[in-house]
Amino acid sequence: MSNQSFERVINSKPEAHQPSGNISLDPENAEHGLAQLVMTVVELLRQLVEQQAIRRVEGGTLTEEQEEQLGVALMNLEEKMEELKDVFGLTEEDLNIDLGPLGNLL
């Protein structure tokens, strides 16, 4: 890099950050975004609980009655999640946050 180029870079003013999209100050959108975030976290936890339940069932550590209760509880939770997604107008894809290099959350 020549001295002139170097001086030009040093003396240049930093460009103002330009947001990539419009910022909406509409409270309706803020509620929707918060609902989406909360529902994403709840769905993640639901899937983790479901995986743990499957491990316990496969491991034989539960009685038949406990397995039945667990199955009913998980089905009820999944139904409630579907209801809440409908209430907030969310889809399964809306709950799958892109974590960049880590991949999708769900």
C-alpha atoms as a PDB file:
ATOM      1  CA  MET A   1       0.000   0.000   0.000  1.00  0.00           C
ATOM      2  CA  SER A   2       1.441   3.370  -0.962  1.00  0.00           C
ATOM      3  CA  ASN A   3       1.699   6.251   1.495  1.00  0.00           C
ATOM      4  CA  GLN A   4      -1.070   8.090  -0.353  1.00  0.00           C
ATOM      5  CA  SER A   5      -3.431   5.122  -0.094  1.00  0.00           C
ATOM      6  CA  PHE A   6      -2.545   4.627   3.543  1.00  0.00           C
ATOM      7  CA  GLU A   7      -3.178   8.309   4.351  1.00  0.00           C
ATOM      8  CA  ARG A   8      -6.487   8.215   2.503  1.00  0.00           C
ATOM      9  CA  VAL A   9      -7.626   5.232   4.604  1.00  0.00           C
ATOM     10  CA  ILE A  10      -6.441   6.814   7.859  1.00  0.00           C
ATOM     11  CA  ASN A  11      -8.028  10.185   7.144  1.00  0.00           C
ATOM     12  CA  SER A  12     -11.309   8.894   5.772  1.00  0.00           C
ATOM     13  CA  LYS A  13     -14.424   9.214   7.878  1.00  0.00           C
ATOM     14  CA  PRO A  14     -16.070   5.981   8.892  1.00  0.00           C
ATOM     15  CA  GLU A  15     -19.228   5.307   6.952  1.00  0.00           C
ATOM     16  CA  ALA A  16     -22.381   5.412   8.969  1.00  0.00           C
ATOM     17  CA  HIS A  17     -23.946   2.016   9.503  1.00  0.00           C
ATOM     18  CA  GLN A  18     -26.959   1.639   7.280  1.00  0.00           C
ATOM     19  CA  PRO A  19     -29.520  -0.881   8.496  1.00  0.00           C
ATOM     20  CA  SER A  20     -30.303  -3.535   5.931  1.00  0.00           C
ATOM     21  CA  GLY A  21     -34.069  -3.325   6.399  1.00  0.00           C
ATOM     22  CA  ASN A  22     -36.749  -1.045   7.667  1.00  0.00           C
ATOM     23  CA  ILE A  23     -37.243  -0.758  11.377  1.00  0.00           C
ATOM     24  CA  SER A  24     -40.857  -1.035  12.351  1.00  0.00           C
ATOM     25  CA  LEU A  25     -41.940   0.747  15.489  1.00  0.00           C
ATOM     26  CA  ASP A  26     -45.377  -0.829  15.334  1.00  0.00           C
ATOM     27  CA  PRO A  27     -46.158  -2.452  18.716  1.00  0.00           C
ATOM     28  CA  GLU A  28     -47.985  -5.264  16.883  1.00  0.00           C
ATOM     29  CA  ASN A  29     -44.739  -6.325  15.208  1.00  0.00           C
ATOM     30  CA  ALA A  30     -42.832  -6.121  18.484  1.00  0.00           C
ATOM     31  CA  GLU A  31     -45.359  -8.448  20.101  1.00  0.00           C
ATOM     32  CA  HIS A  32     -45.115 -10.836  17.167  1.00  0.00           C
ATOM     33  CA  GLY A  33     -41.308 -10.881  17.352  1.00  0.00           C
ATOM     34  CA  LEU A  34     -41.369 -11.531  21.081  1.00  0.00           C
ATOM     35  CA  ALA A  35     -43.953 -14.276  20.641  1.00  0.00           C
ATOM     36  CA  GLN A  36     -41.772 -15.843  17.951  1.00  0.00           C
ATOM     37  CA  LEU A  37     -38.713 -15.780  20.210  1.00  0.00           C
ATOM     38  CA  VAL A  38     -40.562 -17.223  23.217  1.00  0.00           C
ATOM     39  CA  MET A  39     -42.227 -19.906  21.106  1.00  0.00           C
ATOM     40  CA  THR A  40     -38.843 -20.844  19.612  1.00  0.00           C
ATOM     41  CA  VAL A  41     -37.328 -21.323  23.069  1.00  0.00           C
ATOM     42  CA  VAL A  42     -40.355 -23.325  24.247  1.00  0.00           C
ATOM     43  CA  GLU A  43     -40.212 -25.527  21.127  1.00  0.00           C
ATOM     44  CA  LEU A  44     -36.511 -26.149  21.680  1.00  0.00           C
ATOM     45  CA  LEU A  45     -37.179 -27.163  25.294  1.00  0.00           C
ATOM     46  CA  ARG A  46     -40.108 -29.359  24.209  1.00  0.00           C
ATOM     47  CA  GLN A  47     -37.879 -31.208  21.760  1.00  0.00           C
ATOM     48  CA  LEU A  48     -35.162 -31.668  24.391  1.00  0.00           C
ATOM     49  CA  VAL A  49     -37.702 -33.056  26.884  1.00  0.00           C
ATOM     50  CA  GLU A  50     -39.063 -35.368  24.193  1.00  0.00           C
ATOM     51  CA  GLN A  51     -35.567 -36.685  23.419  1.00  0.00           C
ATOM     52  CA  GLN A  52     -34.884 -37.263  27.111  1.00  0.00           C
ATOM     53  CA  ALA A  53     -38.214 -39.072  27.466  1.00  0.00           C
ATOM     54  CA  ILE A  54     -37.349 -41.351  24.546  1.00  0.00           C
ATOM     55  CA  ARG A  55     -34.001 -42.167  26.179  1.00  0.00           C
ATOM     56  CA  ARG A  56     -35.718 -43.039  29.447  1.00  0.00           C
ATOM     57  CA  VAL A  57     -38.313 -45.218  27.721  1.00  0.00           C
ATOM     58  CA  GLU A  58     -35.629 -47.002  25.694  1.00  0.00           C
ATOM     59  CA  GLY A  59     -33.517 -47.371  28.834  1.00  0.00           C
ATOM     60  CA  GLY A  60     -36.339 -49.162  30.616  1.00  0.00           C
ATOM     61  CA  THR A  61     -36.256 -46.868  33.652  1.00  0.00           C
ATOM     62  CA  LEU A  62     -39.976 -46.064  33.561  1.00  0.00           C
ATOM     63  CA  THR A  63     -42.979 -48.131  34.517  1.00  0.00           C
ATOM     64  CA  GLU A  64     -45.666 -48.740  31.919  1.00  0.00           C
ATOM     65  CA  GLU A  65     -47.908 -46.220  33.685  1.00  0.00           C
ATOM     66  CA  GLN A  66     -45.155 -43.585  33.685  1.00  0.00           C
ATOM     67  CA  GLU A  67     -44.540 -44.182  29.985  1.00  0.00           C
ATOM     68  CA  GLU A  68     -48.249 -43.669  29.288  1.00  0.00           C
ATOM     69  CA  GLN A  69     -48.381 -40.480  31.370  1.00  0.00           C
ATOM     70  CA  LEU A  70     -45.276 -39.143  29.670  1.00  0.00           C
ATOM     71  CA  GLY A  71     -46.688 -39.889  26.228  1.00  0.00           C
ATOM     72  CA  VAL A  72     -49.954 -38.113  27.022  1.00  0.00           C
ATOM     73  CA  ALA A  73     -48.128 -35.109  28.487  1.00  0.00           C
ATOM     74  CA  LEU A  74     -45.906 -34.786  25.407  1.00  0.00           C
ATOM     75  CA  MET A  75     -48.884 -35.074  23.049  1.00  0.00           C
ATOM     76  CA  ASN A  76     -50.767 -32.408  25.020  1.00  0.00           C
ATOM     77  CA  LEU A  77     -47.751 -30.109  24.934  1.00  0.00           C
ATOM     78  CA  GLU A  78     -47.385 -30.562  21.181  1.00  0.00           C
ATOM     79  CA  GLU A  79     -51.101 -29.797  20.680  1.00  0.00           C
ATOM     80  CA  LYS A  80     -50.792 -26.654  22.806  1.00  0.00           C
ATOM     81  CA  MET A  81     -47.773 -25.536  20.776  1.00  0.00           C
ATOM     82  CA  GLU A  82     -49.810 -25.938  17.577  1.00  0.00           C
ATOM     83  CA  GLU A  83     -52.636 -23.868  19.097  1.00  0.00           C
ATOM     84  CA  LEU A  84     -50.232 -21.113  20.135  1.00  0.00           C
ATOM     85  CA  LYS A  85     -48.573 -21.068  16.707  1.00  0.00           C
ATOM     86  CA  ASP A  86     -52.036 -20.547  15.207  1.00  0.00           C
ATOM     87  CA  VAL A  87     -52.835 -17.764  17.687  1.00  0.00           C
ATOM     88  CA  PHE A  88     -49.641 -15.888  16.820  1.00  0.00           C
ATOM     89  CA  GLY A  89     -49.704 -16.754  13.123  1.00  0.00           C
ATOM     90  CA  LEU A  90     -46.424 -18.666  13.283  1.00  0.00           C
ATOM     91  CA  THR A  91     -45.274 -21.667  11.290  1.00  0.00           C
ATOM     92  CA  GLU A  92     -42.727 -24.336  12.130  1.00  0.00           C
ATOM     93  CA  GLU A  93     -40.258 -22.507   9.871  1.00  0.00           C
ATOM     94  CA  ASP A  94     -40.753 -19.297  11.884  1.00  0.00           C
ATOM     95  CA  LEU A  95     -39.460 -21.100  14.965  1.00  0.00           C
ATOM     96  CA  ASN A  96     -36.324 -22.367  13.250  1.00  0.00           C
ATOM     97  CA  ILE A  97     -33.808 -19.574  13.845  1.00  0.00           C
ATOM     98  CA  ASP A  98     -30.680 -19.525  11.664  1.00  0.00           C
ATOM     99  CA  LEU A  99     -27.613 -19.502  13.909  1.00  0.00           C
ATOM    100  CA  GLY A 100     -25.211 -18.762  11.078  1.00  0.00           C
ATOM    101  CA  PRO A 101     -22.212 -21.087  11.073  1.00  0.00           C
ATOM    102  CA  LEU A 102     -23.853 -23.292  13.718  1.00  0.00           C
ATOM    103  CA  GLY A 103     -26.785 -24.054  11.426  1.00  0.00           C
ATOM    104  CA  ASN A 104     -30.466 -23.919  12.203  1.00  0.00           C
ATOM    105  CA  LEU A 105     -31.658 -24.053  15.792  1.00  0.00           C
ATOM    106  CA  LEU A 106     -34.285 -26.745  15.297  1.00  0.00           C
END
